């Protein structure tokens, strides 16, 4: 087989007189293709079977990956549902807090809040939102304002305990508002 290879190359050099390197490269490529074809034809059957085994293994691995992807998608759907339920619960608590509040903080400016409550313990600016936090010993009032306005106004507020959990019992909500000097 190698004799055929060398014969082809030497014939090409003799015919072209070594005038073109490109022709020699193409001839070399062609002879390699022919050589590989002959090798594949005369391979022992066990090597062919090992290729089939490799293909089957790859297919099995892909199926396992697909199963894992499906499991992950299911977990994500469950988590999304849990998040939606938690958001609904939080919304109802916030509505309850606003109903119990003696004064409506919505649409107030920071200056008005300072007159009502006093200076906030923390003011934070994040892109389009300003957050002011008013603290008492056991609870915190978070006030969120749209900072894109010329005079930022309160868009949303909530009461949380010292652990960061929403306060949902009426007694605790009233107590927190009193401690923060609202109502």
Protein backbone atom coordinates (compact mmCIF):
# COMPACT_ATOMS: atom_id res chain seq x y z
CA UNK A 1 0.00 0.00 0.00
CA UNK A 2 2.83 2.36 0.78
CA UNK A 3 4.36 1.38 -2.52
CA UNK A 4 1.26 2.75 -4.25
CA UNK A 5 1.59 5.91 -2.22
CA UNK A 6 5.26 6.45 -3.16
CA UNK A 7 4.53 5.54 -6.77
CA UNK A 8 1.81 8.20 -6.98
CA UNK A 9 4.01 10.88 -5.46
CA UNK A 10 7.04 10.05 -7.61
CA UNK A 11 4.88 9.98 -10.74
CA UNK A 12 3.52 13.41 -9.94
CA UNK A 13 7.02 14.82 -9.38
CA UNK A 14 8.27 13.35 -12.63
CA UNK A 15 5.31 14.63 -14.65
CA UNK A 16 5.29 18.12 -13.21
CA UNK A 17 9.04 18.37 -12.82
CA UNK A 18 8.58 19.65 -9.28
CA UNK A 19 7.15 22.82 -10.78
CA UNK A 20 4.16 23.12 -8.53
CA UNK A 21 4.14 22.64 -4.77
CA UNK A 22 0.35 22.93 -4.73
CA UNK A 23 -0.04 19.90 -6.99
CA UNK A 24 2.22 17.88 -4.71
CA UNK A 25 0.16 18.86 -1.67
CA UNK A 26 -3.06 17.80 -3.36
CA UNK A 27 -1.53 14.52 -4.41
CA UNK A 28 -0.39 13.86 -0.86
CA UNK A 29 -3.88 14.57 0.46
CA UNK A 30 -5.43 12.29 -2.14
CA UNK A 31 -3.03 9.47 -1.32
CA UNK A 32 -3.78 9.83 2.43
CA UNK A 33 -7.50 9.59 1.73
CA UNK A 34 -6.93 6.45 -0.35
CA UNK A 35 -4.70 4.95 2.33
CA UNK A 36 -7.30 5.62 5.07
CA UNK A 37 -10.02 4.08 2.92
CA UNK A 38 -7.99 0.89 2.49
CA UNK A 39 -7.27 0.76 6.22
CA UNK A 40 -10.98 1.11 7.04
CA UNK A 41 -11.91 -1.64 4.58
CA UNK A 42 -9.54 -4.14 6.12
CA UNK A 43 -10.09 -3.31 9.82
CA UNK A 44 -10.76 -6.25 12.08
CA UNK A 45 -14.46 -6.59 13.05
CA UNK A 46 -13.78 -6.01 16.76
CA UNK A 47 -12.61 -2.43 16.03
CA UNK A 48 -15.83 -1.77 14.11
CA UNK A 49 -17.84 -3.14 17.03
CA UNK A 50 -16.01 -0.87 19.45
CA UNK A 51 -17.12 2.11 17.37
CA UNK A 52 -20.72 0.92 17.61
CA UNK A 53 -20.28 0.53 21.38
CA UNK A 54 -18.88 4.07 21.59
CA UNK A 55 -21.85 5.44 19.64
CA UNK A 56 -24.26 3.60 21.93
CA UNK A 57 -22.45 4.94 24.99
CA UNK A 58 -22.63 8.48 23.66
CA UNK A 59 -26.36 8.06 22.96
CA UNK A 60 -26.95 6.75 26.49
CA UNK A 61 -25.04 9.70 27.96
CA UNK A 62 -27.12 12.14 25.91
CA UNK A 63 -30.32 10.47 27.12
CA UNK A 64 -29.15 10.80 30.74
CA UNK A 65 -28.38 14.48 30.18
CA UNK A 66 -31.84 15.00 28.70
CA UNK A 67 -33.42 13.29 31.72
CA UNK A 68 -31.39 15.49 34.08
CA UNK A 69 -32.45 18.58 32.13
CA UNK A 70 -36.09 17.56 32.44
CA UNK A 71 -35.71 17.05 36.20
CA UNK A 72 -34.10 20.49 36.52
CA UNK A 73 -36.93 22.08 34.51
CA UNK A 74 -39.49 20.44 36.81
CA UNK A 75 -37.66 21.73 39.90
CA UNK A 76 -37.58 25.24 38.42
CA UNK A 77 -41.33 25.13 37.76
CA UNK A 78 -41.98 24.05 41.36
CA UNK A 79 -39.76 26.85 42.69
CA UNK A 80 -41.51 29.41 40.47
CA UNK A 81 -44.86 28.28 41.84
CA UNK A 82 -43.58 28.58 45.41
CA UNK A 83 -42.28 32.09 44.68
CA UNK A 84 -45.62 33.15 43.21
CA UNK A 85 -47.45 31.84 46.27
CA UNK A 86 -45.04 33.67 48.59
CA UNK A 87 -45.52 36.89 46.60
CA UNK A 88 -49.31 36.58 46.91
CA UNK A 89 -48.96 36.06 50.67
CA UNK A 90 -46.64 39.08 50.98
CA UNK A 91 -49.04 41.25 48.97
CA UNK A 92 -51.91 40.42 51.29
CA UNK A 93 -49.75 41.23 54.35
CA UNK A 94 -48.71 44.59 52.86
CA UNK A 95 -52.35 45.43 52.14
CA UNK A 96 -53.20 44.56 55.75
CA UNK A 97 -50.36 46.79 57.01
CA UNK A 98 -51.66 49.73 54.95
CA UNK A 99 -55.21 49.23 56.23
CA UNK A 100 -54.03 49.28 59.86
CA UNK A 101 -51.75 52.32 59.43
CA UNK A 102 -53.17 55.46 61.01
CA UNK A 103 -51.66 57.59 58.25
CA UNK A 104 -51.18 56.87 54.57
CA UNK A 105 -47.52 57.22 53.58
CA UNK A 106 -48.15 56.78 49.85
CA UNK A 107 -47.24 59.72 47.61
CA UNK A 108 -45.38 61.52 50.43
CA UNK A 109 -41.97 63.12 49.86
CA UNK A 110 -38.91 62.38 51.99
CA UNK A 111 -39.24 65.84 53.57
CA UNK A 112 -42.82 65.05 54.60
CA UNK A 113 -41.70 61.70 56.02
CA UNK A 114 -38.99 63.41 58.07
CA UNK A 115 -41.60 65.81 59.48
CA UNK A 116 -43.94 62.91 60.37
CA UNK A 117 -41.45 60.33 61.63
CA UNK A 118 -38.02 61.90 61.94
CA UNK A 119 -34.81 61.23 60.10
CA UNK A 120 -34.40 57.76 58.56
CA UNK A 121 -31.70 55.45 59.88
CA UNK A 122 -30.70 54.57 56.34
CA UNK A 123 -31.17 56.04 52.88
CA UNK A 124 -30.11 54.01 49.88
CA UNK A 125 -30.10 54.91 46.18
CA UNK A 126 -30.36 52.09 43.61
CA UNK A 127 -30.80 53.14 39.99
CA UNK A 128 -34.44 54.24 39.84
CA UNK A 129 -35.34 53.56 43.47
CA UNK A 130 -34.58 55.33 46.72
CA UNK A 131 -35.13 53.42 49.94
CA UNK A 132 -35.47 54.96 53.38
CA UNK A 133 -35.46 52.80 56.50
CA UNK A 134 -36.87 53.93 59.83
CA UNK A 135 -35.91 51.71 62.79
CA UNK A 136 -37.37 51.03 66.18
CA UNK A 137 -36.15 48.45 68.68
CA UNK A 138 -38.17 45.53 67.26
CA UNK A 139 -39.27 46.61 63.79
CA UNK A 140 -38.38 48.57 60.70
CA UNK A 141 -40.37 50.62 58.23
CA UNK A 142 -39.07 50.41 54.68
CA UNK A 143 -40.19 53.16 52.31
CA UNK A 144 -39.51 52.88 48.58
CA UNK A 145 -39.54 55.96 46.33
CA UNK A 146 -39.27 56.53 42.59
CA UNK A 147 -36.03 58.51 42.33
CA UNK A 148 -36.51 59.33 38.64
CA UNK A 149 -39.01 62.03 39.65
CA UNK A 150 -37.85 65.58 40.38
CA UNK A 151 -39.23 65.20 43.91
CA UNK A 152 -39.22 61.44 44.76
CA UNK A 153 -42.53 60.17 46.15
CA UNK A 154 -43.31 57.09 48.24
CA UNK A 155 -44.57 54.34 45.95
CA UNK A 156 -44.55 51.45 48.41
CA UNK A 157 -43.83 50.76 52.06
CA UNK A 158 -43.74 47.77 54.40
CA UNK A 159 -43.05 46.82 58.01
CA UNK A 160 -40.57 44.11 58.91
CA UNK A 161 -39.31 42.72 62.18
CA UNK A 162 -35.65 42.75 63.24
CA UNK A 163 -35.12 39.43 61.41
CA UNK A 164 -36.36 40.93 58.14
CA UNK A 165 -39.70 39.07 58.10
CA UNK A 166 -42.92 40.86 57.19
CA UNK A 167 -45.03 41.73 60.22
CA UNK A 168 -48.48 40.24 59.67
CA UNK A 169 -50.34 40.26 63.00
CA UNK A 170 -52.53 43.30 63.58
CA UNK A 171 -51.30 43.79 67.16
CA UNK A 172 -47.65 43.77 66.02
CA UNK A 173 -48.37 46.10 63.10
CA UNK A 174 -50.04 48.66 65.41
CA UNK A 175 -47.19 48.34 67.92
CA UNK A 176 -44.57 48.89 65.23
CA UNK A 177 -46.32 51.99 63.86
CA UNK A 178 -46.49 53.41 67.44
CA UNK A 179 -42.80 52.72 68.04
CA UNK A 180 -41.86 54.42 64.79
CA UNK A 181 -44.13 57.37 65.82
CA UNK A 182 -46.82 56.94 63.18
CA UNK A 183 -50.39 56.92 64.40
